[in-house]
Amino acid sequence: MAAMLKEWSSVVSALESGEQSVLLRKGGILETASGFRVEARRFWLYPTWEHQAPDNVREEFRQHLERGRPPRGTNTITSYAEVVGEADVESADAVRRLEPLHIWSREYVEARRGWEPQRPLKAVLLRVFRTPPASIPVLAEYSGCKSWLEMDGDADGGRPVLDDTRAADIREQFRSITS
């Protein structure tokens, strides 16, 4: 079994294009009181359409909202990610300095920071790999406000979205902001 992370389809699209490298997560309603936890170091990206809205994405990235939905009862997996860094981010300055690494609007990120204030905002730096599209059935256990799912098939064999030099530059930028 391999892990899958549920994420907005627009974010998956931005990750696959190289326009996003960092996820900012608090965790789903059904998750532990401590908030989002990285449960796998390598995982499939499972696109979702719930909760995303144009106002939550900066205007220059709204084309990622146009990612089409697969036929009812299926989903299409086109990438996986490896975690290359993670940190709890508490200062507003650090959150603002992470803006070049994600597509969310400042208002949306601030609203997320304010939700469940006892939970930390987790910044997760990813290295993303494109794979041939794979259609999978949507199972009942995939529904609900939870971040992590499981599916058959290992996450491997993909082509990196960013070359090694660009990935190393982003890793250093992330470390300088979150250290």
N, C-alpha and C. Protein backbone atom coordinates (compact mmCIF):
# COMPACT_ATOMS: atom_id res chain seq x y z
N MET A 1 0.84 -1.19 0.00
CA MET A 1 0.00 0.00 0.00
C MET A 1 0.88 1.25 0.00
N ALA A 2 0.41 2.27 -0.71
CA ALA A 2 1.12 3.55 -0.77
C ALA A 2 0.21 4.64 -0.24
N ALA A 3 0.81 5.65 0.36
CA ALA A 3 0.05 6.78 0.88
C ALA A 3 -0.35 7.71 -0.26
N MET A 4 -1.49 8.38 -0.06
CA MET A 4 -1.95 9.45 -0.94
C MET A 4 -2.31 10.64 -0.06
N LEU A 5 -1.97 11.82 -0.51
CA LEU A 5 -2.34 13.05 0.19
C LEU A 5 -3.42 13.75 -0.61
N LYS A 6 -4.55 14.03 0.04
CA LYS A 6 -5.62 14.79 -0.61
C LYS A 6 -5.22 16.27 -0.63
N GLU A 7 -5.32 16.87 -1.80
CA GLU A 7 -5.01 18.29 -1.95
C GLU A 7 -5.86 18.85 -3.08
N TRP A 8 -6.18 20.14 -3.01
CA TRP A 8 -6.97 20.78 -4.06
C TRP A 8 -6.38 20.45 -5.43
N SER A 9 -7.23 20.23 -6.40
CA SER A 9 -6.75 19.96 -7.76
C SER A 9 -5.94 21.13 -8.29
N SER A 10 -6.30 22.36 -7.93
CA SER A 10 -5.54 23.53 -8.39
C SER A 10 -4.12 23.51 -7.82
N VAL A 11 -3.96 23.07 -6.60
CA VAL A 11 -2.63 22.99 -5.99
C VAL A 11 -1.83 21.87 -6.63
N VAL A 12 -2.47 20.72 -6.88
CA VAL A 12 -1.78 19.63 -7.57
C VAL A 12 -1.29 20.13 -8.93
N SER A 13 -2.13 20.86 -9.65
CA SER A 13 -1.74 21.42 -10.94
C SER A 13 -0.54 22.35 -10.80
N ALA A 14 -0.57 23.22 -9.79
CA ALA A 14 0.55 24.15 -9.56
C ALA A 14 1.82 23.41 -9.16
N LEU A 15 1.69 22.37 -8.35
CA LEU A 15 2.85 21.56 -7.99
C LEU A 15 3.44 20.90 -9.23
N GLU A 16 2.57 20.38 -10.09
CA GLU A 16 3.03 19.69 -11.30
C GLU A 16 3.65 20.64 -12.31
N SER A 17 3.30 21.92 -12.25
CA SER A 17 3.87 22.90 -13.18
C SER A 17 5.15 23.52 -12.63
N GLY A 18 5.45 23.27 -11.36
CA GLY A 18 6.63 23.87 -10.73
C GLY A 18 6.37 25.24 -10.14
N GLU A 19 5.12 25.71 -10.18
CA GLU A 19 4.78 27.03 -9.64
C GLU A 19 4.52 26.99 -8.13
N GLN A 20 4.46 25.82 -7.56
CA GLN A 20 4.29 25.66 -6.11
C GLN A 20 5.22 24.55 -5.65
N SER A 21 5.81 24.75 -4.48
CA SER A 21 6.70 23.74 -3.89
C SER A 21 6.37 23.46 -2.44
N VAL A 22 5.60 24.35 -1.80
CA VAL A 22 5.32 24.24 -0.37
C VAL A 22 3.82 24.08 -0.16
N LEU A 23 3.46 23.17 0.74
CA LEU A 23 2.09 23.06 1.23
C LEU A 23 2.04 23.70 2.61
N LEU A 24 0.97 24.41 2.89
CA LEU A 24 0.72 24.96 4.21
C LEU A 24 -0.54 24.27 4.73
N ARG A 25 -0.40 23.46 5.76
CA ARG A 25 -1.51 22.63 6.21
C ARG A 25 -1.76 22.80 7.70
N LYS A 26 -3.03 22.66 8.08
CA LYS A 26 -3.43 22.60 9.48
C LYS A 26 -3.98 21.22 9.82
N GLY A 27 -4.51 20.53 8.83
CA GLY A 27 -5.12 19.23 9.07
C GLY A 27 -6.62 19.30 8.90
N GLY A 28 -7.21 18.18 8.56
CA GLY A 28 -8.65 18.10 8.37
C GLY A 28 -9.39 18.00 9.69
N ILE A 29 -10.69 18.24 9.63
CA ILE A 29 -11.54 18.19 10.81
C ILE A 29 -11.47 16.82 11.49
N LEU A 30 -11.33 15.77 10.71
CA LEU A 30 -11.32 14.42 11.25
C LEU A 30 -9.94 14.00 11.76
N GLU A 31 -8.96 14.89 11.74
CA GLU A 31 -7.62 14.53 12.16
C GLU A 31 -7.39 14.88 13.62
N THR A 32 -6.25 14.46 14.12
CA THR A 32 -5.94 14.60 15.53
C THR A 32 -5.92 16.06 15.97
N ALA A 33 -6.07 16.26 17.25
CA ALA A 33 -6.08 17.62 17.81
C ALA A 33 -4.75 18.33 17.60
N SER A 34 -3.68 17.59 17.36
CA SER A 34 -2.38 18.22 17.17
C SER A 34 -2.21 18.80 15.78
N GLY A 35 -3.12 18.52 14.86
CA GLY A 35 -3.05 19.10 13.52
C GLY A 35 -2.42 18.17 12.51
N PHE A 36 -2.00 18.75 11.41
CA PHE A 36 -1.46 17.98 10.29
C PHE A 36 -0.13 17.33 10.65
N ARG A 37 0.00 16.07 10.28
CA ARG A 37 1.25 15.35 10.44
C ARG A 37 1.65 14.74 9.10
N VAL A 38 2.93 14.77 8.80
CA VAL A 38 3.43 14.10 7.61
C VAL A 38 3.48 12.61 7.94
N GLU A 39 2.63 11.83 7.29
CA GLU A 39 2.54 10.40 7.59
C GLU A 39 3.36 9.54 6.64
N ALA A 40 3.86 10.12 5.57
CA ALA A 40 4.69 9.39 4.61
C ALA A 40 5.69 10.37 4.01
N ARG A 41 6.88 9.91 3.71
CA ARG A 41 7.89 10.75 3.10
C ARG A 41 7.75 10.81 1.59
N ARG A 42 7.05 9.83 1.00
CA ARG A 42 6.76 9.79 -0.43
C ARG A 42 5.31 9.36 -0.56
N PHE A 43 4.55 10.09 -1.41
CA PHE A 43 3.12 9.80 -1.51
C PHE A 43 2.56 10.30 -2.83
N TRP A 44 1.47 9.67 -3.25
CA TRP A 44 0.73 10.12 -4.42
C TRP A 44 -0.02 11.40 -4.08
N LEU A 45 -0.22 12.26 -5.06
CA LEU A 45 -1.04 13.47 -4.90
C LEU A 45 -2.43 13.17 -5.43
N TYR A 46 -3.43 13.24 -4.56
CA TYR A 46 -4.81 12.90 -4.86
C TYR A 46 -5.60 14.21 -5.01
N PRO A 47 -5.91 14.63 -6.24
CA PRO A 47 -6.60 15.91 -6.42
C PRO A 47 -8.05 15.86 -5.95
N THR A 48 -8.47 16.95 -5.29
CA THR A 48 -9.85 17.11 -4.85
C THR A 48 -10.39 18.45 -5.33
N TRP A 49 -11.70 18.59 -5.31
CA TRP A 49 -12.33 19.82 -5.77
C TRP A 49 -13.11 20.51 -4.67
N GLU A 50 -13.22 19.89 -3.50
CA GLU A 50 -13.94 20.49 -2.39
C GLU A 50 -13.13 21.66 -1.81
N HIS A 51 -13.82 22.69 -1.41
CA HIS A 51 -13.27 23.82 -0.66
C HIS A 51 -12.41 24.79 -1.47
N GLN A 52 -12.03 24.47 -2.70
CA GLN A 52 -11.23 25.45 -3.44
C GLN A 52 -12.16 26.48 -4.07
N ALA A 53 -11.68 27.70 -4.12
CA ALA A 53 -12.47 28.81 -4.67
C ALA A 53 -11.51 29.85 -5.25
N PRO A 54 -11.95 30.60 -6.25
CA PRO A 54 -11.06 31.60 -6.87
C PRO A 54 -10.43 32.57 -5.87
N ASP A 55 -11.18 33.01 -4.87
CA ASP A 55 -10.63 33.97 -3.92
C ASP A 55 -9.52 33.39 -3.05
N ASN A 56 -9.41 32.07 -3.00
CA ASN A 56 -8.39 31.42 -2.17
C ASN A 56 -7.04 31.29 -2.88
N VAL A 57 -7.03 31.61 -4.18
CA VAL A 57 -5.83 31.49 -5.00
C VAL A 57 -5.48 32.88 -5.54
N ARG A 58 -4.21 33.23 -5.51
CA ARG A 58 -3.80 34.52 -6.07
C ARG A 58 -4.17 34.57 -7.55
N GLU A 59 -4.56 35.75 -8.00
CA GLU A 59 -5.11 35.93 -9.34
C GLU A 59 -4.21 35.36 -10.44
N GLU A 60 -2.91 35.54 -10.32
CA GLU A 60 -2.00 35.10 -11.38
C GLU A 60 -1.91 33.57 -11.49
N PHE A 61 -2.53 32.85 -10.56
CA PHE A 61 -2.50 31.39 -10.58
C PHE A 61 -3.88 30.76 -10.76
N ARG A 62 -4.87 31.55 -11.05
CA ARG A 62 -6.25 31.01 -11.12
C ARG A 62 -6.47 30.07 -12.29
N GLN A 63 -5.57 30.05 -13.28
CA GLN A 63 -5.72 29.08 -14.37
C GLN A 63 -5.64 27.65 -13.83
N HIS A 64 -5.03 27.45 -12.69
CA HIS A 64 -4.94 26.11 -12.11
C HIS A 64 -6.29 25.61 -11.60
N LEU A 65 -7.24 26.52 -11.41
CA LEU A 65 -8.59 26.11 -11.00
C LEU A 65 -9.34 25.42 -12.12
N GLU A 66 -8.84 25.51 -13.34
CA GLU A 66 -9.53 24.96 -14.50
C GLU A 66 -9.24 23.48 -14.74
N ARG A 67 -8.44 22.87 -13.89
CA ARG A 67 -8.14 21.44 -14.05
C ARG A 67 -9.47 20.67 -14.08
N GLY A 68 -9.67 19.90 -15.12
CA GLY A 68 -10.93 19.19 -15.30
C GLY A 68 -11.11 18.04 -14.32
N ARG A 69 -12.36 17.78 -14.01
CA ARG A 69 -12.70 16.65 -13.16
C ARG A 69 -12.75 15.37 -13.98
N PRO A 70 -12.30 14.27 -13.40
CA PRO A 70 -12.43 12.99 -14.10
C PRO A 70 -13.88 12.52 -14.08
N PRO A 71 -14.20 11.48 -14.85
CA PRO A 71 -15.58 10.96 -14.83
C PRO A 71 -16.00 10.58 -13.41
N ARG A 72 -17.29 10.72 -13.14
CA ARG A 72 -17.85 10.42 -11.81
C ARG A 72 -17.43 9.01 -11.37
N GLY A 73 -17.03 8.90 -10.11
CA GLY A 73 -16.64 7.62 -9.55
C GLY A 73 -15.18 7.26 -9.76
N THR A 74 -14.43 8.16 -10.43
CA THR A 74 -13.00 7.92 -10.65
C THR A 74 -12.21 9.17 -10.29
N ASN A 75 -10.93 8.99 -10.15
CA ASN A 75 -10.02 10.11 -10.01
C ASN A 75 -8.78 9.76 -10.83
N THR A 76 -8.04 10.76 -11.24
CA THR A 76 -6.84 10.54 -12.04
C THR A 76 -5.63 11.04 -11.27
N ILE A 77 -4.69 10.13 -11.08
CA ILE A 77 -3.45 10.44 -10.37
C ILE A 77 -2.37 10.68 -11.42
N THR A 78 -1.68 11.80 -11.33
CA THR A 78 -0.67 12.16 -12.33
C THR A 78 0.69 12.52 -11.73
N SER A 79 0.83 12.39 -10.41
CA SER A 79 2.10 12.77 -9.80
C SER A 79 2.21 12.21 -8.38
N TYR A 80 3.44 12.20 -7.92
CA TYR A 80 3.71 11.91 -6.51
C TYR A 80 4.73 12.92 -6.01
N ALA A 81 4.89 12.96 -4.70
CA ALA A 81 5.80 13.93 -4.09
C ALA A 81 6.66 13.26 -3.03
N GLU A 82 7.82 13.85 -2.83
CA GLU A 82 8.71 13.47 -1.74
C GLU A 82 8.85 14.68 -0.82
N VAL A 83 8.81 14.45 0.47
CA VAL A 83 9.00 15.52 1.45
C VAL A 83 10.50 15.76 1.57
N VAL A 84 10.92 17.00 1.34
CA VAL A 84 12.33 17.36 1.48
C VAL A 84 12.57 18.37 2.61
N GLY A 85 11.49 18.81 3.24
CA GLY A 85 11.60 19.71 4.39
C GLY A 85 10.25 19.93 5.02
N GLU A 86 10.23 20.18 6.30
CA GLU A 86 8.98 20.52 6.99
C GLU A 86 9.30 21.34 8.22
N ALA A 87 8.37 22.21 8.57
CA ALA A 87 8.56 23.06 9.74
C ALA A 87 7.21 23.61 10.18
N ASP A 88 7.05 23.80 11.49
CA ASP A 88 5.91 24.55 12.00
C ASP A 88 6.25 26.02 11.82
N VAL A 89 5.31 26.77 11.25
CA VAL A 89 5.55 28.19 10.97
C VAL A 89 4.55 29.00 11.78
N GLU A 90 5.07 29.83 12.66
CA GLU A 90 4.20 30.59 13.54
C GLU A 90 4.21 32.08 13.26
N SER A 91 5.32 32.63 12.81
CA SER A 91 5.39 34.07 12.63
C SER A 91 4.74 34.50 11.32
N ALA A 92 4.05 35.62 11.37
CA ALA A 92 3.42 36.17 10.16
C ALA A 92 4.47 36.51 9.12
N ASP A 93 5.65 36.96 9.57
CA ASP A 93 6.73 37.29 8.63
C ASP A 93 7.17 36.05 7.85
N ALA A 94 7.36 34.93 8.53
CA ALA A 94 7.78 33.70 7.85
C ALA A 94 6.71 33.24 6.87
N VAL A 95 5.46 33.35 7.26
CA VAL A 95 4.36 32.96 6.37
C VAL A 95 4.39 33.82 5.10
N ARG A 96 4.57 35.12 5.25
CA ARG A 96 4.64 36.01 4.08
C ARG A 96 5.85 35.70 3.21
N ARG A 97 6.97 35.36 3.82
CA ARG A 97 8.18 35.05 3.05
C ARG A 97 8.06 33.74 2.27
N LEU A 98 7.11 32.90 2.65
CA LEU A 98 6.86 31.65 1.91
C LEU A 98 5.97 31.85 0.68
N GLU A 99 5.38 33.05 0.53
CA GLU A 99 4.44 33.29 -0.58
C GLU A 99 4.97 32.92 -1.96
N PRO A 100 6.24 33.16 -2.28
CA PRO A 100 6.71 32.78 -3.62
C PRO A 100 6.69 31.27 -3.88
N LEU A 101 6.47 30.49 -2.84
CA LEU A 101 6.53 29.03 -2.97
C LEU A 101 5.15 28.37 -3.00
N HIS A 102 4.07 29.17 -3.05
CA HIS A 102 2.72 28.60 -3.13
C HIS A 102 1.79 29.56 -3.86
N ILE A 103 0.58 29.10 -4.17
CA ILE A 103 -0.37 29.90 -4.97
C ILE A 103 -1.50 30.51 -4.16
N TRP A 104 -1.61 30.21 -2.87
CA TRP A 104 -2.75 30.68 -2.10
C TRP A 104 -2.71 32.19 -1.87
N SER A 105 -3.87 32.78 -1.75
CA SER A 105 -3.96 34.21 -1.45
C SER A 105 -3.56 34.46 0.00
N ARG A 106 -3.07 35.65 0.26
CA ARG A 106 -2.68 36.02 1.63
C ARG A 106 -3.89 35.91 2.57
N GLU A 107 -5.06 36.30 2.09
CA GLU A 107 -6.27 36.24 2.92
C GLU A 107 -6.61 34.80 3.30
N TYR A 108 -6.48 33.89 2.34
CA TYR A 108 -6.78 32.50 2.62
C TYR A 108 -5.78 31.93 3.64
N VAL A 109 -4.50 32.22 3.46
CA VAL A 109 -3.49 31.70 4.38
C VAL A 109 -3.74 32.26 5.79
N GLU A 110 -4.07 33.53 5.90
CA GLU A 110 -4.34 34.11 7.21
C GLU A 110 -5.58 33.48 7.85
N ALA A 111 -6.59 33.20 7.05
CA ALA A 111 -7.78 32.52 7.59
C ALA A 111 -7.42 31.12 8.09
N ARG A 112 -6.58 30.41 7.35
CA ARG A 112 -6.13 29.08 7.79
C ARG A 112 -5.33 29.18 9.08
N ARG A 113 -4.48 30.18 9.18
CA ARG A 113 -3.70 30.36 10.42
C ARG A 113 -4.62 30.60 11.61
N GLY A 114 -5.72 31.32 11.39
CA GLY A 114 -6.63 31.64 12.47
C GLY A 114 -7.55 30.50 12.87
N TRP A 115 -7.74 29.50 11.99
CA TRP A 115 -8.60 28.36 12.30
C TRP A 115 -7.87 27.44 13.27
N GLU A 116 -8.55 27.03 14.32
CA GLU A 116 -7.95 26.13 15.31
C GLU A 116 -6.56 26.64 15.72
N PRO A 117 -6.51 27.80 16.38
CA PRO A 117 -5.21 28.43 16.65
C PRO A 117 -4.26 27.57 17.48
N GLN A 118 -4.75 26.57 18.19
CA GLN A 118 -3.85 25.70 18.95
C GLN A 118 -3.08 24.75 18.04
N ARG A 119 -3.52 24.59 16.79
CA ARG A 119 -2.82 23.74 15.83
C ARG A 119 -1.78 24.59 15.09
N PRO A 120 -0.57 24.09 14.95
CA PRO A 120 0.44 24.85 14.20
C PRO A 120 0.17 24.80 12.70
N LEU A 121 0.62 25.82 12.00
CA LEU A 121 0.61 25.80 10.54
C LEU A 121 1.86 25.07 10.11
N LYS A 122 1.67 23.98 9.40
CA LYS A 122 2.79 23.14 8.98
C LYS A 122 3.16 23.51 7.55
N ALA A 123 4.42 23.87 7.33
CA ALA A 123 4.95 24.10 5.98
C ALA A 123 5.70 22.84 5.57
N VAL A 124 5.31 22.29 4.41
CA VAL A 124 5.92 21.05 3.92
C VAL A 124 6.49 21.33 2.53
N LEU A 125 7.80 21.21 2.41
CA LEU A 125 8.47 21.40 1.13
C LEU A 125 8.49 20.07 0.38
N LEU A 126 8.03 20.10 -0.88
CA LEU A 126 7.91 18.89 -1.68
C LEU A 126 8.81 18.94 -2.91
N ARG A 127 9.26 17.78 -3.34
CA ARG A 127 9.84 17.58 -4.67
C ARG A 127 8.82 16.71 -5.40
N VAL A 128 8.30 17.20 -6.51
CA VAL A 128 7.19 16.56 -7.22
C VAL A 128 7.69 15.87 -8.47
N PHE A 129 7.07 14.73 -8.76
CA PHE A 129 7.42 13.90 -9.92
C PHE A 129 6.15 13.61 -10.72
N ARG A 130 6.20 13.89 -12.02
CA ARG A 130 5.08 13.59 -12.93
C ARG A 130 5.12 12.12 -13.32
N THR A 131 3.95 11.52 -13.43
CA THR A 131 3.83 10.12 -13.84
C THR A 131 2.77 10.03 -14.94
N PRO A 132 2.75 8.94 -15.68
CA PRO A 132 1.65 8.76 -16.62
C PRO A 132 0.32 8.75 -15.86
N PRO A 133 -0.74 9.31 -16.42
CA PRO A 133 -2.03 9.33 -15.73
C PRO A 133 -2.53 7.93 -15.41
N ALA A 134 -3.04 7.77 -14.20
CA ALA A 134 -3.63 6.51 -13.77
C ALA A 134 -5.03 6.79 -13.22
N SER A 135 -6.03 6.18 -13.80
CA SER A 135 -7.40 6.33 -13.32
C SER A 135 -7.64 5.32 -12.20
N ILE A 136 -8.16 5.81 -11.08
CA ILE A 136 -8.45 4.93 -9.95
C ILE A 136 -9.90 5.14 -9.52
N PRO A 137 -10.53 4.12 -8.96
CA PRO A 137 -11.89 4.30 -8.46
C PRO A 137 -11.88 5.15 -7.19
N VAL A 138 -12.92 5.94 -7.01
CA VAL A 138 -13.09 6.71 -5.78
C VAL A 138 -13.83 5.81 -4.79
N LEU A 139 -13.17 5.46 -3.72
CA LEU A 139 -13.73 4.57 -2.71
C LEU A 139 -14.41 5.37 -1.61
N ALA A 140 -15.37 4.76 -0.95
CA ALA A 140 -16.10 5.43 0.13
C ALA A 140 -15.17 5.95 1.21
N GLU A 141 -14.11 5.19 1.51
CA GLU A 141 -13.19 5.61 2.58
C GLU A 141 -12.35 6.82 2.19
N TYR A 142 -12.41 7.28 0.96
CA TYR A 142 -11.68 8.47 0.54
C TYR A 142 -12.42 9.77 0.89
N SER A 143 -13.68 9.68 1.24
CA SER A 143 -14.47 10.89 1.50
C SER A 143 -14.19 11.42 2.91
N GLY A 144 -14.58 12.65 3.14
CA GLY A 144 -14.42 13.26 4.45
C GLY A 144 -13.22 14.18 4.52
N CYS A 145 -13.18 14.97 5.57
CA CYS A 145 -12.11 15.94 5.78
C CYS A 145 -10.93 15.28 6.48
N LYS A 146 -10.18 14.54 5.72
CA LYS A 146 -8.96 13.92 6.21
C LYS A 146 -7.92 14.09 5.12
N SER A 147 -6.68 14.12 5.50
CA SER A 147 -5.60 14.41 4.56
C SER A 147 -5.04 13.16 3.90
N TRP A 148 -4.93 12.07 4.63
CA TRP A 148 -4.20 10.90 4.15
C TRP A 148 -5.11 9.74 3.79
N LEU A 149 -4.78 9.10 2.67
CA LEU A 149 -5.49 7.92 2.17
C LEU A 149 -4.44 6.87 1.82
N GLU A 150 -4.91 5.67 1.48
CA GLU A 150 -4.01 4.63 1.00
C GLU A 150 -4.53 4.05 -0.29
N MET A 151 -3.61 3.61 -1.15
CA MET A 151 -3.97 2.93 -2.39
C MET A 151 -2.89 1.93 -2.74
N ASP A 152 -3.22 1.02 -3.64
CA ASP A 152 -2.24 0.06 -4.12
C ASP A 152 -1.27 0.76 -5.06
N GLY A 153 -0.06 0.29 -5.10
CA GLY A 153 0.92 0.82 -6.05
C GLY A 153 1.87 1.81 -5.42
N ASP A 154 3.16 1.56 -5.59
CA ASP A 154 4.18 2.43 -5.04
C ASP A 154 4.30 3.72 -5.84
N ALA A 155 4.63 4.78 -5.14
CA ALA A 155 4.87 6.09 -5.76
C ALA A 155 6.33 6.12 -6.20
N ASP A 156 6.57 5.84 -7.46
CA ASP A 156 7.93 5.90 -7.98
C ASP A 156 7.91 5.93 -9.50
N GLY A 157 9.08 6.10 -10.08
CA GLY A 157 9.22 6.04 -11.53
C GLY A 157 8.86 7.30 -12.28
N GLY A 158 8.64 8.39 -11.59
CA GLY A 158 8.25 9.62 -12.26
C GLY A 158 9.42 10.47 -12.72
N ARG A 159 9.08 11.54 -13.42
CA ARG A 159 10.05 12.53 -13.91
C ARG A 159 9.95 13.76 -13.03
N PRO A 160 11.08 14.24 -12.45
CA PRO A 160 11.00 15.41 -11.57
C PRO A 160 10.51 16.65 -12.31
N VAL A 161 9.65 17.40 -11.65
CA VAL A 161 9.11 18.63 -12.23
C VAL A 161 10.21 19.69 -12.33
N LEU A 162 11.00 19.82 -11.29
CA LEU A 162 12.09 20.81 -11.26
C LEU A 162 13.43 20.10 -11.38
N ASP A 163 14.37 20.72 -12.10
CA ASP A 163 15.70 20.11 -12.19
C ASP A 163 16.40 20.21 -10.84
N ASP A 164 17.50 19.48 -10.68
CA ASP A 164 18.19 19.40 -9.40
C ASP A 164 18.66 20.76 -8.90
N THR A 165 19.12 21.63 -9.79
CA THR A 165 19.62 22.95 -9.39
C THR A 165 18.49 23.80 -8.82
N ARG A 166 17.36 23.87 -9.55
CA ARG A 166 16.21 24.66 -9.07
C ARG A 166 15.67 24.09 -7.76
N ALA A 167 15.59 22.77 -7.66
CA ALA A 167 15.10 22.13 -6.43
C ALA A 167 16.01 22.47 -5.25
N ALA A 168 17.32 22.47 -5.46
CA ALA A 168 18.26 22.81 -4.40
C ALA A 168 18.12 24.28 -3.98
N ASP A 169 17.91 25.17 -4.95
CA ASP A 169 17.71 26.60 -4.64
C ASP A 169 16.47 26.79 -3.77
N ILE A 170 15.38 26.11 -4.12
CA ILE A 170 14.13 26.24 -3.36
C ILE A 170 14.31 25.65 -1.96
N ARG A 171 15.01 24.53 -1.85
CA ARG A 171 15.27 23.92 -0.54
C ARG A 171 16.03 24.90 0.35
N GLU A 172 17.02 25.59 -0.20
CA GLU A 172 17.79 26.55 0.58
C GLU A 172 16.92 27.75 0.98
N GLN A 173 16.08 28.22 0.07
CA GLN A 173 15.16 29.32 0.38
C GLN A 173 14.22 28.92 1.52
N PHE A 174 13.67 27.72 1.44
CA PHE A 174 12.77 27.20 2.48
C PHE A 174 13.51 27.16 3.84
N ARG A 175 14.71 26.61 3.84
CA ARG A 175 15.48 26.51 5.09
C ARG A 175 15.77 27.88 5.68
N SER A 176 16.10 28.85 4.83
CA SER A 176 16.41 30.18 5.36
C SER A 176 15.19 30.86 5.97
N ILE A 177 14.00 30.52 5.46
CA ILE A 177 12.76 31.11 6.01
C ILE A 177 12.31 30.40 7.27
N THR A 178 12.45 29.08 7.32
CA THR A 178 11.86 28.31 8.42
C THR A 178 12.83 27.98 9.55
N SER A 179 14.11 28.32 9.40
CA SER A 179 15.09 28.00 10.46
C SER A 179 15.09 29.04 11.54
